[in-house]
Amino acid sequence: MPILRLETWEGLTKDTKRDFVETMTRETCRILGCPPEAVTVIIDEKPKENWGAAGELCSERFPDK
């Protein structure tokens, strides 16, 4: 049972999440030869202030994104 996990900054739209889940499920089934029922996709959104990169908070490093 494949489990796919995406960690990203919060703010994705519901349509973007739906597209991601549908696309990742379809491509996982194509590549691994498993049924869609076997695929789990977890989207874990984090506030930019809880994420650091290059020694800085992402909320400060990427304020407009």
PDB file of N, CA and C in Angstrom:
ATOM      1  N   MET A   1       0.848  -1.173   0.000  1.00  0.00           N
ATOM      2  CA  MET A   1       0.000   0.000   0.000  1.00  0.00           C
ATOM      3  C   MET A   1       0.893   1.234   0.000  1.00  0.00           C
ATOM      4  N   PRO A   2       1.019   1.930  -1.121  1.00  0.00           N
ATOM      5  CA  PRO A   2       1.840   3.134  -1.175  1.00  0.00           C
ATOM      6  C   PRO A   2       1.201   4.279  -0.380  1.00  0.00           C
ATOM      7  N   ILE A   3       2.037   4.956   0.387  1.00  0.00           N
ATOM      8  CA  ILE A   3       1.613   6.163   1.093  1.00  0.00           C
ATOM      9  C   ILE A   3       2.504   7.289   0.609  1.00  0.00           C
ATOM     10  N   LEU A   4       1.898   8.305   0.030  1.00  0.00           N
ATOM     11  CA  LEU A   4       2.633   9.463  -0.475  1.00  0.00           C
ATOM     12  C   LEU A   4       2.372  10.637   0.463  1.00  0.00           C
ATOM     13  N   ARG A   5       3.428  11.307   0.877  1.00  0.00           N
ATOM     14  CA  ARG A   5       3.279  12.427   1.806  1.00  0.00           C
ATOM     15  C   ARG A   5       3.903  13.681   1.186  1.00  0.00           C
ATOM     16  N   LEU A   6       3.122  14.754   1.185  1.00  0.00           N
ATOM     17  CA  LEU A   6       3.593  16.053   0.733  1.00  0.00           C
ATOM     18  C   LEU A   6       3.624  16.989   1.928  1.00  0.00           C
ATOM     19  N   GLU A   7       4.776  17.550   2.225  1.00  0.00           N
ATOM     20  CA  GLU A   7       4.882  18.589   3.239  1.00  0.00           C
ATOM     21  C   GLU A   7       5.114  19.901   2.510  1.00  0.00           C
ATOM     22  N   THR A   8       4.278  20.883   2.801  1.00  0.00           N
ATOM     23  CA  THR A   8       4.334  22.151   2.089  1.00  0.00           C
ATOM     24  C   THR A   8       3.838  23.267   2.996  1.00  0.00           C
ATOM     25  N   TRP A   9       4.032  24.503   2.552  1.00  0.00           N
ATOM     26  CA  TRP A   9       3.496  25.631   3.304  1.00  0.00           C
ATOM     27  C   TRP A   9       1.984  25.638   3.185  1.00  0.00           C
ATOM     28  N   GLU A  10       1.327  26.140   4.205  1.00  0.00           N
ATOM     29  CA  GLU A  10      -0.128  26.213   4.167  1.00  0.00           C
ATOM     30  C   GLU A  10      -0.575  27.217   3.099  1.00  0.00           C
ATOM     31  N   GLY A  11      -1.798  27.005   2.620  1.00  0.00           N
ATOM     32  CA  GLY A  11      -2.362  27.935   1.656  1.00  0.00           C
ATOM     33  C   GLY A  11      -2.755  27.326   0.321  1.00  0.00           C
ATOM     34  N   LEU A  12      -2.555  26.025   0.139  1.00  0.00           N
ATOM     35  CA  LEU A  12      -2.999  25.408  -1.108  1.00  0.00           C
ATOM     36  C   LEU A  12      -4.522  25.462  -1.179  1.00  0.00           C
ATOM     37  N   THR A  13      -5.042  25.677  -2.367  1.00  0.00           N
ATOM     38  CA  THR A  13      -6.489  25.674  -2.534  1.00  0.00           C
ATOM     39  C   THR A  13      -7.005  24.236  -2.560  1.00  0.00           C
ATOM     40  N   LYS A  14      -8.290  24.084  -2.321  1.00  0.00           N
ATOM     41  CA  LYS A  14      -8.904  22.755  -2.374  1.00  0.00           C
ATOM     42  C   LYS A  14      -8.759  22.160  -3.770  1.00  0.00           C
ATOM     43  N   ASP A  15      -8.891  22.982  -4.814  1.00  0.00           N
ATOM     44  CA  ASP A  15      -8.733  22.494  -6.184  1.00  0.00           C
ATOM     45  C   ASP A  15      -7.313  21.994  -6.431  1.00  0.00           C
ATOM     46  N   THR A  16      -6.320  22.703  -5.913  1.00  0.00           N
ATOM     47  CA  THR A  16      -4.925  22.280  -6.065  1.00  0.00           C
ATOM     48  C   THR A  16      -4.691  20.962  -5.355  1.00  0.00           C
ATOM     49  N   LYS A  17      -5.233  20.828  -4.153  1.00  0.00           N
ATOM     50  CA  LYS A  17      -5.093  19.570  -3.409  1.00  0.00           C
ATOM     51  C   LYS A  17      -5.760  18.419  -4.145  1.00  0.00           C
ATOM     52  N   ARG A  18      -6.958  18.660  -4.666  1.00  0.00           N
ATOM     53  CA  ARG A  18      -7.683  17.626  -5.409  1.00  0.00           C
ATOM     54  C   ARG A  18      -6.876  17.185  -6.627  1.00  0.00           C
ATOM     55  N   ASP A  19      -6.335  18.151  -7.374  1.00  0.00           N
ATOM     56  CA  ASP A  19      -5.538  17.848  -8.560  1.00  0.00           C
ATOM     57  C   ASP A  19      -4.293  17.049  -8.177  1.00  0.00           C
ATOM     58  N   PHE A  20      -3.643  17.444  -7.096  1.00  0.00           N
ATOM     59  CA  PHE A  20      -2.451  16.729  -6.638  1.00  0.00           C
ATOM     60  C   PHE A  20      -2.785  15.279  -6.286  1.00  0.00           C
ATOM     61  N   VAL A  21      -3.847  15.082  -5.504  1.00  0.00           N
ATOM     62  CA  VAL A  21      -4.242  13.735  -5.085  1.00  0.00           C
ATOM     63  C   VAL A  21      -4.609  12.871  -6.292  1.00  0.00           C
ATOM     64  N   GLU A  22      -5.394  13.420  -7.207  1.00  0.00           N
ATOM     65  CA  GLU A  22      -5.793  12.656  -8.397  1.00  0.00           C
ATOM     66  C   GLU A  22      -4.582  12.293  -9.252  1.00  0.00           C
ATOM     67  N   THR A  23      -3.705  13.261  -9.482  1.00  0.00           N
ATOM     68  CA  THR A  23      -2.533  13.028 -10.334  1.00  0.00           C
ATOM     69  C   THR A  23      -1.565  12.038  -9.697  1.00  0.00           C
ATOM     70  N   MET A  24      -1.280  12.219  -8.423  1.00  0.00           N
ATOM     71  CA  MET A  24      -0.340  11.321  -7.743  1.00  0.00           C
ATOM     72  C   MET A  24      -0.897   9.897  -7.644  1.00  0.00           C
ATOM     73  N   THR A  25      -2.191   9.769  -7.419  1.00  0.00           N
ATOM     74  CA  THR A  25      -2.808   8.441  -7.368  1.00  0.00           C
ATOM     75  C   THR A  25      -2.713   7.769  -8.732  1.00  0.00           C
ATOM     76  N   ARG A  26      -3.094   8.490  -9.772  1.00  0.00           N
ATOM     77  CA  ARG A  26      -3.056   7.926 -11.127  1.00  0.00           C
ATOM     78  C   ARG A  26      -1.641   7.495 -11.514  1.00  0.00           C
ATOM     79  N   GLU A  27      -0.664   8.366 -11.270  1.00  0.00           N
ATOM     80  CA  GLU A  27       0.711   8.053 -11.675  1.00  0.00           C
ATOM     81  C   GLU A  27       1.329   6.951 -10.813  1.00  0.00           C
ATOM     82  N   THR A  28       0.979   6.894  -9.556  1.00  0.00           N
ATOM     83  CA  THR A  28       1.463   5.814  -8.698  1.00  0.00           C
ATOM     84  C   THR A  28       0.925   4.477  -9.198  1.00  0.00           C
ATOM     85  N   CYS A  29      -0.361   4.448  -9.543  1.00  0.00           N
ATOM     86  CA  CYS A  29      -0.958   3.220 -10.080  1.00  0.00           C
ATOM     87  C   CYS A  29      -0.302   2.820 -11.397  1.00  0.00           C
ATOM     88  N   ARG A  30      -0.032   3.775 -12.255  1.00  0.00           N
ATOM     89  CA  ARG A  30       0.603   3.496 -13.543  1.00  0.00           C
ATOM     90  C   ARG A  30       2.005   2.920 -13.348  1.00  0.00           C
ATOM     91  N   ILE A  31       2.771   3.517 -12.452  1.00  0.00           N
ATOM     92  CA  ILE A  31       4.160   3.104 -12.264  1.00  0.00           C
ATOM     93  C   ILE A  31       4.276   1.813 -11.456  1.00  0.00           C
ATOM     94  N   LEU A  32       3.501   1.702 -10.393  1.00  0.00           N
ATOM     95  CA  LEU A  32       3.621   0.539  -9.506  1.00  0.00           C
ATOM     96  C   LEU A  32       2.665  -0.595  -9.826  1.00  0.00           C
ATOM     97  N   GLY A  33       1.679  -0.319 -10.680  1.00  0.00           N
ATOM     98  CA  GLY A  33       0.737  -1.364 -11.057  1.00  0.00           C
ATOM     99  C   GLY A  33      -0.222  -1.758  -9.944  1.00  0.00           C
ATOM    100  N   CYS A  34      -0.571  -0.807  -9.107  1.00  0.00           N
ATOM    101  CA  CYS A  34      -1.495  -1.095  -8.005  1.00  0.00           C
ATOM    102  C   CYS A  34      -2.844  -0.429  -8.279  1.00  0.00           C
ATOM    103  N   PRO A  35      -3.890  -0.869  -7.591  1.00  0.00           N
ATOM    104  CA  PRO A  35      -5.195  -0.236  -7.779  1.00  0.00           C
ATOM    105  C   PRO A  35      -5.260   1.093  -7.007  1.00  0.00           C
ATOM    106  N   PRO A  36      -6.124   2.024  -7.450  1.00  0.00           N
ATOM    107  CA  PRO A  36      -6.256   3.310  -6.761  1.00  0.00           C
ATOM    108  C   PRO A  36      -6.610   3.163  -5.284  1.00  0.00           C
ATOM    109  N   GLU A  37      -7.352   2.127  -4.946  1.00  0.00           N
ATOM    110  CA  GLU A  37      -7.756   1.911  -3.556  1.00  0.00           C
ATOM    111  C   GLU A  37      -6.560   1.655  -2.634  1.00  0.00           C
ATOM    112  N   ALA A  38      -5.431   1.288  -3.217  1.00  0.00           N
ATOM    113  CA  ALA A  38      -4.241   0.988  -2.423  1.00  0.00           C
ATOM    114  C   ALA A  38      -3.412   2.234  -2.105  1.00  0.00           C
ATOM    115  N   VAL A  39      -3.709   3.347  -2.767  1.00  0.00           N
ATOM    116  CA  VAL A  39      -2.881   4.550  -2.648  1.00  0.00           C
ATOM    117  C   VAL A  39      -3.470   5.514  -1.626  1.00  0.00           C
ATOM    118  N   THR A  40      -2.621   5.968  -0.717  1.00  0.00           N
ATOM    119  CA  THR A  40      -2.994   6.996   0.250  1.00  0.00           C
ATOM    120  C   THR A  40      -2.108   8.205   0.023  1.00  0.00           C
ATOM    121  N   VAL A  41      -2.727   9.392  -0.012  1.00  0.00           N
ATOM    122  CA  VAL A  41      -1.981  10.640  -0.172  1.00  0.00           C
ATOM    123  C   VAL A  41      -2.265  11.513   1.045  1.00  0.00           C
ATOM    124  N   ILE A  42      -1.213  11.969   1.685  1.00  0.00           N
ATOM    125  CA  ILE A  42      -1.332  12.827   2.863  1.00  0.00           C
ATOM    126  C   ILE A  42      -0.703  14.173   2.537  1.00  0.00           C
ATOM    127  N   ILE A  43      -1.477  15.236   2.697  1.00  0.00           N
ATOM    128  CA  ILE A  43      -0.979  16.597   2.489  1.00  0.00           C
ATOM    129  C   ILE A  43      -0.860  17.236   3.864  1.00  0.00           C
ATOM    130  N   ASP A  44       0.349  17.578   4.230  1.00  0.00           N
ATOM    131  CA  ASP A  44       0.633  18.146   5.549  1.00  0.00           C
ATOM    132  C   ASP A  44       1.113  19.584   5.354  1.00  0.00           C
ATOM    133  N   GLU A  45       0.211  20.530   5.606  1.00  0.00           N
ATOM    134  CA  GLU A  45       0.551  21.938   5.430  1.00  0.00           C
ATOM    135  C   GLU A  45       1.087  22.529   6.729  1.00  0.00           C
ATOM    136  N   LYS A  46       2.140  23.296   6.613  1.00  0.00           N
ATOM    137  CA  LYS A  46       2.777  23.927   7.762  1.00  0.00           C
ATOM    138  C   LYS A  46       2.804  25.443   7.572  1.00  0.00           C
ATOM    139  N   PRO A  47       2.598  26.191   8.647  1.00  0.00           N
ATOM    140  CA  PRO A  47       2.784  27.637   8.551  1.00  0.00           C
ATOM    141  C   PRO A  47       4.253  27.938   8.231  1.00  0.00           C
ATOM    142  N   LYS A  48       4.481  28.945   7.407  1.00  0.00           N
ATOM    143  CA  LYS A  48       5.862  29.300   7.053  1.00  0.00           C
ATOM    144  C   LYS A  48       6.684  29.656   8.286  1.00  0.00           C
ATOM    145  N   GLU A  49       6.044  30.136   9.330  1.00  0.00           N
ATOM    146  CA  GLU A  49       6.783  30.491  10.538  1.00  0.00           C
ATOM    147  C   GLU A  49       7.264  29.254  11.294  1.00  0.00           C
ATOM    148  N   ASN A  50       6.757  28.079  10.933  1.00  0.00           N
ATOM    149  CA  ASN A  50       7.201  26.827  11.542  1.00  0.00           C
ATOM    150  C   ASN A  50       8.160  26.064  10.637  1.00  0.00           C
ATOM    151  N   TRP A  51       8.703  26.732   9.634  1.00  0.00           N
ATOM    152  CA  TRP A  51       9.555  26.091   8.642  1.00  0.00           C
ATOM    153  C   TRP A  51      10.785  26.971   8.470  1.00  0.00           C
ATOM    154  N   GLY A  52      11.958  26.373   8.501  1.00  0.00           N
ATOM    155  CA  GLY A  52      13.188  27.138   8.323  1.00  0.00           C
ATOM    156  C   GLY A  52      13.976  26.652   7.136  1.00  0.00           C
ATOM    157  N   ALA A  53      14.687  27.572   6.495  1.00  0.00           N
ATOM    158  CA  ALA A  53      15.555  27.230   5.365  1.00  0.00           C
ATOM    159  C   ALA A  53      16.738  28.195   5.362  1.00  0.00           C
ATOM    160  N   ALA A  54      17.917  27.666   5.174  1.00  0.00           N
ATOM    161  CA  ALA A  54      19.139  28.475   5.104  1.00  0.00           C
ATOM    162  C   ALA A  54      19.318  29.352   6.343  1.00  0.00           C
ATOM    163  N   GLY A  55      18.912  28.827   7.494  1.00  0.00           N
ATOM    164  CA  GLY A  55      19.108  29.548   8.739  1.00  0.00           C
ATOM    165  C   GLY A  55      18.097  30.636   9.029  1.00  0.00           C
ATOM    166  N   GLU A  56      17.016  30.693   8.250  1.00  0.00           N
ATOM    167  CA  GLU A  56      15.994  31.716   8.449  1.00  0.00           C
ATOM    168  C   GLU A  56      14.611  31.079   8.493  1.00  0.00           C
ATOM    169  N   LEU A  57      13.675  31.755   9.154  1.00  0.00           N
ATOM    170  CA  LEU A  57      12.286  31.333   9.067  1.00  0.00           C
ATOM    171  C   LEU A  57      11.787  31.608   7.653  1.00  0.00           C
ATOM    172  N   CYS A  58      11.041  30.679   7.106  1.00  0.00           N
ATOM    173  CA  CYS A  58      10.519  30.877   5.738  1.00  0.00           C
ATOM    174  C   CYS A  58       9.546  32.048   5.666  1.00  0.00           C
ATOM    175  N   SER A  59       8.896  32.360   6.774  1.00  0.00           N
ATOM    176  CA  SER A  59       7.992  33.518   6.782  1.00  0.00           C
ATOM    177  C   SER A  59       8.767  34.813   6.573  1.00  0.00           C
ATOM    178  N   GLU A  60      10.036  34.845   6.955  1.00  0.00           N
ATOM    179  CA  GLU A  60      10.888  36.017   6.726  1.00  0.00           C
ATOM    180  C   GLU A  60      11.647  35.922   5.413  1.00  0.00           C
ATOM    181  N   ARG A  61      12.074  34.733   5.066  1.00  0.00           N
ATOM    182  CA  ARG A  61      12.838  34.516   3.829  1.00  0.00           C
ATOM    183  C   ARG A  61      11.960  34.659   2.578  1.00  0.00           C
ATOM    184  N   PHE A  62      10.718  34.220   2.683  1.00  0.00           N
ATOM    185  CA  PHE A  62       9.772  34.252   1.562  1.00  0.00           C
ATOM    186  C   PHE A  62       8.464  34.924   1.994  1.00  0.00           C
ATOM    187  N   PRO A  63       8.481  36.201   2.302  1.00  0.00           N
ATOM    188  CA  PRO A  63       7.292  36.843   2.860  1.00  0.00           C
ATOM    189  C   PRO A  63       6.107  36.938   1.904  1.00  0.00           C
ATOM    190  N   ASP A  64       6.330  36.938   0.614  1.00  0.00           N
ATOM    191  CA  ASP A  64       5.246  37.134  -0.363  1.00  0.00           C
ATOM    192  C   ASP A  64       4.734  35.849  -0.960  1.00  0.00           C
ATOM    193  N   LYS A  65       5.285  34.727  -0.612  1.00  0.00           N
ATOM    194  CA  LYS A  65       4.879  33.473  -1.241  1.00  0.00           C
ATOM    195  C   LYS A  65       4.018  32.674  -0.319  1.00  0.00           C
TER     196      LYS A  65
END
